[in-house]
């Protein structure tokens, strides 16, 4: 399950009500979600690269990790 919506993976006071957590509790094997807001352009780039990796046969965890590292190298963050 891929949730392409800002803060869909956020943890907080109402964690058990969050969509990502609920999906996992109900038996979804993997959930890709974001805990904070991202620019739409960055989300689109990530999604394209994620699906490309999945179609290449890379598992979900590996695809997410590789794509996050790739995006981290594309743009520097003021927070490091």
Protein backbone atom coordinates (compact mmCIF):
# COMPACT_ATOMS: atom_id res chain seq x y z
CA UNK A 1 0.00 0.00 0.00
CA UNK A 2 1.38 3.38 -0.97
CA UNK A 3 -0.19 6.46 0.59
CA UNK A 4 0.61 9.54 -1.44
CA UNK A 5 -0.83 12.11 0.96
CA UNK A 6 0.96 14.48 3.30
CA UNK A 7 1.31 13.22 6.87
CA UNK A 8 -0.34 9.86 6.15
CA UNK A 9 2.25 8.13 8.31
CA UNK A 10 2.42 10.69 11.10
CA UNK A 11 2.71 9.40 14.63
CA UNK A 12 1.19 11.21 17.51
CA UNK A 13 -1.49 11.25 20.14
CA UNK A 14 -4.00 9.48 17.92
CA UNK A 15 -1.50 7.05 16.39
CA UNK A 16 -3.87 4.11 16.33
CA UNK A 17 -6.31 6.09 14.21
CA UNK A 18 -3.77 6.93 11.53
CA UNK A 19 -4.28 5.27 8.20
CA UNK A 20 -0.82 3.68 7.87
CA UNK A 21 -0.94 2.15 11.34
CA UNK A 22 -4.43 0.82 10.80
CA UNK A 23 -3.49 -0.79 7.50
CA UNK A 24 -0.59 -2.60 9.13
CA UNK A 25 -2.74 -3.74 12.03
CA UNK A 26 -5.27 -5.12 9.58
CA UNK A 27 -2.66 -7.23 7.78
CA UNK A 28 -1.27 -5.09 4.96
CA UNK A 29 2.24 -6.43 4.31
CA UNK A 30 3.91 -3.06 3.64
CA UNK A 31 2.86 0.57 3.87
CA UNK A 32 4.84 3.47 2.44
CA UNK A 33 3.74 6.70 4.12
CA UNK A 34 5.15 10.09 5.04
CA UNK A 35 5.22 11.50 8.55
CA UNK A 36 5.49 15.11 7.45
CA UNK A 37 4.68 17.40 4.54
CA UNK A 38 6.67 17.26 1.30
CA UNK A 39 6.54 19.27 -1.89
CA UNK A 40 4.31 17.79 -4.57
CA UNK A 41 7.24 17.72 -7.00
CA UNK A 42 9.35 15.70 -4.56
CA UNK A 43 6.47 13.29 -3.94
CA UNK A 44 5.97 12.78 -7.67
CA UNK A 45 9.68 12.12 -8.21
CA UNK A 46 9.75 9.69 -5.31
CA UNK A 47 6.66 7.81 -6.51
CA UNK A 48 8.00 7.43 -10.06
CA UNK A 49 11.34 6.16 -8.78
CA UNK A 50 9.66 3.86 -6.23
CA UNK A 51 7.46 2.18 -8.82
CA UNK A 52 10.40 1.88 -11.19
CA UNK A 53 12.36 0.03 -8.50
CA UNK A 54 9.42 -2.22 -7.65
CA UNK A 55 8.97 -3.14 -11.32
CA UNK A 56 12.69 -4.03 -11.38
CA UNK A 57 11.99 -6.59 -8.65
CA UNK A 58 13.48 -4.70 -5.71
CA UNK A 59 11.58 -5.36 -2.48
CA UNK A 60 9.60 -2.53 -0.88
CA UNK A 61 12.10 -1.75 1.89
CA UNK A 62 15.02 -1.70 -0.54
CA UNK A 63 13.15 0.43 -3.05
CA UNK A 64 12.15 3.00 -0.42
CA UNK A 65 15.65 3.18 1.05
CA UNK A 66 17.34 3.59 -2.33
CA UNK A 67 14.89 6.24 -3.47
CA UNK A 68 15.14 8.21 -0.21
CA UNK A 69 18.92 8.25 -0.48
CA UNK A 70 18.67 9.29 -4.12
CA UNK A 71 16.41 12.22 -3.27
CA UNK A 72 18.55 13.23 -0.31
CA UNK A 73 21.45 13.68 -2.73
CA UNK A 74 19.35 15.80 -5.10
CA UNK A 75 18.47 18.53 -2.63
CA UNK A 76 20.26 19.75 0.45
CA UNK A 77 18.29 20.44 3.58
CA UNK A 78 18.79 23.45 5.83
CA UNK A 79 18.39 21.05 8.76
CA UNK A 80 21.06 18.71 7.44
